[in-house]
Amino acid sequence: MRREKRPKSPGWMFNPMFVAKVLVTLRKSILDPQGKAVRGSLQSLGLREIQDVRIGRFIEVRIDSAAREDAERVIDEACRKLLANPVMEDYTYTLEKEPVKRG
């Protein structure tokens, strides 16, 4: 069964959008076997100066919101509920206003 694409609302050209850039990392108290393996590989390539590697995730999220406070509430909730595991991971994010698209 084919899905039909919904036409974009004409409002997309005028509604402010925010872009959240989220960094999710393991807490310092959690061992990072993937980071340890990468560190070993880098050192075996001759990069002996590298002493520690921690692996994380970078997630970019576009948020349709006119107010920065609302966008912050949305991305914080998304991180707490899904994007980060609060038991093992920490998260930080930046929020930037996306330029308005014209035409």
Protein backbone atom coordinates (compact mmCIF):
# COMPACT_ATOMS: atom_id res chain seq x y z
CA MET A 1 0.00 0.00 0.00
CA ARG A 2 1.45 3.36 -1.03
CA ARG A 3 1.39 6.28 1.31
CA GLU A 4 0.59 9.63 -0.18
CA LYS A 5 2.74 12.53 0.87
CA ARG A 6 0.87 15.20 2.74
CA PRO A 7 1.42 18.66 1.32
CA LYS A 8 3.42 20.94 3.55
CA SER A 9 1.49 23.59 5.32
CA PRO A 10 2.11 27.00 3.78
CA GLY A 11 2.87 28.17 7.31
CA TRP A 12 6.27 26.41 7.26
CA MET A 13 7.72 29.44 5.49
CA PHE A 14 6.74 31.77 8.32
CA ASN A 15 6.85 29.72 11.53
CA PRO A 16 10.09 30.02 13.45
CA MET A 17 11.97 26.77 13.87
CA PHE A 18 14.63 25.90 16.37
CA VAL A 19 17.39 23.38 15.89
CA ALA A 20 18.46 21.50 19.00
CA LYS A 21 21.88 19.87 18.92
CA VAL A 22 21.94 17.18 21.59
CA LEU A 23 25.02 15.39 22.91
CA VAL A 24 24.35 12.21 24.90
CA THR A 25 27.29 10.67 26.78
CA LEU A 26 27.76 7.90 29.30
CA ARG A 27 28.10 9.10 32.87
CA LYS A 28 31.68 9.18 34.11
CA SER A 29 30.86 6.40 36.61
CA ILE A 30 29.84 4.04 33.76
CA LEU A 31 32.53 1.99 32.03
CA ASP A 32 32.81 2.62 28.29
CA PRO A 33 34.13 -0.57 26.61
CA GLN A 34 33.61 0.90 23.13
CA GLY A 35 35.64 3.97 24.06
CA LYS A 36 38.35 1.76 25.52
CA ALA A 37 38.52 -0.28 22.28
CA VAL A 38 38.74 2.88 20.16
CA ARG A 39 41.48 4.26 22.43
CA GLY A 40 43.46 1.04 22.01
CA SER A 41 43.06 1.16 18.23
CA LEU A 42 44.14 4.79 18.05
CA GLN A 43 47.19 4.09 20.18
CA SER A 44 48.08 1.11 17.98
CA LEU A 45 48.01 3.52 15.03
CA GLY A 46 50.77 5.47 16.73
CA LEU A 47 48.62 8.11 18.41
CA ARG A 48 50.05 7.45 21.86
CA GLU A 49 49.12 10.91 23.11
CA ILE A 50 45.45 9.89 23.27
CA GLN A 51 44.79 8.86 26.86
CA ASP A 52 41.01 8.47 27.02
CA VAL A 53 38.07 8.09 24.64
CA ARG A 54 34.39 8.23 25.55
CA ILE A 55 31.80 7.36 22.90
CA GLY A 56 28.50 9.24 22.74
CA ARG A 57 25.71 10.21 20.35
CA PHE A 58 24.98 13.45 18.52
CA ILE A 59 21.33 14.08 17.67
CA GLU A 60 19.93 17.03 15.74
CA VAL A 61 16.24 17.85 16.24
CA ARG A 62 14.16 20.50 14.47
CA ILE A 63 11.41 21.94 16.65
CA ASP A 64 8.46 23.93 15.34
CA SER A 65 8.04 26.57 18.01
CA ALA A 66 7.67 30.33 18.09
CA ALA A 67 9.13 30.72 21.59
CA ARG A 68 12.56 29.61 22.79
CA GLU A 69 11.13 28.60 26.19
CA ASP A 70 8.69 26.20 24.51
CA ALA A 71 11.44 24.72 22.35
CA GLU A 72 13.62 24.21 25.45
CA ARG A 73 10.74 22.48 27.24
CA VAL A 74 10.17 20.18 24.24
CA ILE A 75 13.81 19.16 23.77
CA ASP A 76 14.38 18.67 27.50
CA GLU A 77 11.33 16.42 27.68
CA ALA A 78 12.47 14.48 24.58
CA CYS A 79 15.89 13.92 26.17
CA ARG A 80 14.46 12.82 29.52
CA LYS A 81 11.83 10.51 28.01
CA LEU A 82 13.61 8.95 25.04
CA LEU A 83 16.90 10.33 23.75
CA ALA A 84 18.97 9.66 26.89
CA ASN A 85 18.84 6.90 29.47
CA PRO A 86 18.78 8.82 32.78
CA VAL A 87 20.28 5.89 34.68
CA MET A 88 23.46 5.68 32.57
CA GLU A 89 23.69 8.81 30.44
CA ASP A 90 23.93 12.57 30.68
CA TYR A 91 22.86 15.00 28.00
CA THR A 92 23.53 18.57 27.00
CA TYR A 93 22.01 20.57 24.19
CA THR A 94 22.24 23.85 22.38
CA LEU A 95 19.27 25.54 20.79
CA GLU A 96 19.59 27.77 17.75
CA LYS A 97 16.96 29.60 15.79
CA GLU A 98 16.81 28.27 12.25
CA PRO A 99 16.84 30.87 9.48
CA VAL A 100 13.40 31.42 7.95
CA LYS A 101 13.11 29.78 4.52
CA ARG A 102 11.73 31.94 1.75
CA GLY A 103 10.30 30.86 -1.58
